[in-house]
Amino acid sequence: MVQAQIESIQGKGDWKGQYGTMYSFEVTFNDGTVGEANSKSSEPPYKVGDEVWYEIKSNNERWGKKLKISKQPQEGGFQPQPNPKKDKQII
């Protein structure tokens, strides 16, 4: 995930999804990235000036950049627990 500051947010309408009404927003970051993010509320959980973490979930010509935005960095994937006996077990 990349950390950046939000420079602008523009509403792009709403749509019905399997989780109810979703609201689309075009978000511009201070690093030049522009993409679309969805929210379950008509007011997104972030605002202009916020430092947030974002990830580009998809990027294609037809639909554009789809973003996942969060206020905290997301730890992803499997994180193995350290095993102090690993070397001995390998031998």
Protein backbone atom coordinates (compact mmCIF):
# COMPACT_ATOMS: atom_id res chain seq x y z
CA MET A 1 0.00 0.00 0.00
CA VAL A 2 1.10 3.56 -0.70
CA GLN A 3 0.67 6.50 1.66
CA ALA A 4 -0.46 9.83 0.18
CA GLN A 5 -2.53 12.90 0.94
CA ILE A 6 -5.96 13.39 -0.64
CA GLU A 7 -6.11 16.52 -2.82
CA SER A 8 -9.68 16.21 -4.09
CA ILE A 9 -12.77 14.02 -3.89
CA GLN A 10 -15.56 14.18 -6.49
CA GLY A 11 -18.81 12.21 -6.24
CA LYS A 12 -19.58 10.01 -9.27
CA GLY A 13 -23.04 8.75 -8.35
CA ASP A 14 -24.37 5.60 -6.76
CA TRP A 15 -25.30 2.07 -7.75
CA LYS A 16 -27.05 -0.96 -6.29
CA GLY A 17 -24.79 -3.83 -5.32
CA GLN A 18 -25.16 -7.06 -3.40
CA TYR A 19 -24.38 -5.16 -0.17
CA GLY A 20 -26.91 -2.37 -0.79
CA THR A 21 -26.39 1.09 -2.28
CA MET A 22 -22.75 1.94 -2.99
CA TYR A 23 -21.41 5.44 -3.68
CA SER A 24 -18.55 6.06 -6.12
CA PHE A 25 -15.94 8.80 -5.72
CA GLU A 26 -13.09 9.97 -7.90
CA VAL A 27 -10.11 10.60 -5.62
CA THR A 28 -6.94 12.53 -6.51
CA PHE A 29 -3.77 12.15 -4.43
CA ASN A 30 -0.78 14.47 -4.05
CA ASP A 31 1.44 11.88 -5.79
CA GLY A 32 -0.57 12.31 -9.02
CA THR A 33 -2.65 9.13 -8.74
CA VAL A 34 -6.31 9.49 -9.72
CA GLY A 35 -8.77 6.66 -9.30
CA GLU A 36 -12.23 5.61 -8.20
CA ALA A 37 -13.18 4.31 -4.77
CA ASN A 38 -16.52 3.09 -3.41
CA SER A 39 -18.14 3.71 -0.05
CA LYS A 40 -21.24 2.36 1.69
CA SER A 41 -22.17 5.91 2.75
CA SER A 42 -22.82 9.05 0.73
CA GLU A 43 -19.96 10.72 2.66
CA PRO A 44 -16.67 8.82 2.34
CA PRO A 45 -14.81 7.98 5.57
CA TYR A 46 -11.93 10.27 4.50
CA LYS A 47 -11.72 13.91 3.43
CA VAL A 48 -9.47 16.32 1.50
CA GLY A 49 -6.19 16.76 3.36
CA ASP A 50 -6.24 13.34 5.05
CA GLU A 51 -3.11 11.18 4.91
CA VAL A 52 -4.36 7.75 3.87
CA TRP A 53 -3.07 4.46 2.52
CA TYR A 54 -4.28 3.27 -0.88
CA GLU A 55 -3.89 0.29 -3.15
CA ILE A 56 -4.74 0.03 -6.85
CA LYS A 57 -7.02 -3.01 -7.05
CA SER A 58 -7.46 -2.92 -10.85
CA ASN A 59 -6.44 -0.71 -13.73
CA ASN A 60 -7.98 -1.18 -17.16
CA GLU A 61 -9.07 1.00 -20.08
CA ARG A 62 -12.78 0.34 -19.74
CA TRP A 63 -13.26 0.86 -15.99
CA GLY A 64 -10.18 2.91 -15.02
CA LYS A 65 -8.28 2.64 -11.76
CA LYS A 66 -10.17 1.10 -8.86
CA LEU A 67 -8.76 2.02 -5.47
CA LYS A 68 -8.96 0.61 -1.97
CA ILE A 69 -8.41 3.42 0.55
CA SER A 70 -7.89 3.07 4.30
CA LYS A 71 -6.74 5.30 7.13
CA GLN A 72 -4.46 2.55 8.50
CA PRO A 73 -1.99 0.43 6.52
CA GLN A 74 -3.37 -3.04 5.86
CA GLU A 75 -1.20 -6.01 6.70
CA GLY A 76 -1.78 -8.49 3.93
CA GLY A 77 -1.19 -12.13 3.36
CA PHE A 78 0.05 -14.92 5.58
CA GLN A 79 2.56 -13.88 8.21
CA PRO A 80 4.45 -16.93 9.50
CA GLN A 81 5.37 -17.01 13.17
CA PRO A 82 9.10 -17.08 13.89
CA ASN A 83 10.35 -20.47 15.02
CA PRO A 84 13.54 -20.31 17.08
CA LYS A 85 14.04 -24.11 16.67
CA LYS A 86 13.83 -23.96 12.85
CA ASP A 87 17.56 -24.43 12.16
CA LYS A 88 17.77 -27.38 14.54
CA GLN A 89 14.67 -28.98 12.98
CA ILE A 90 16.13 -28.61 9.49
CA ILE A 91 19.35 -30.37 10.52
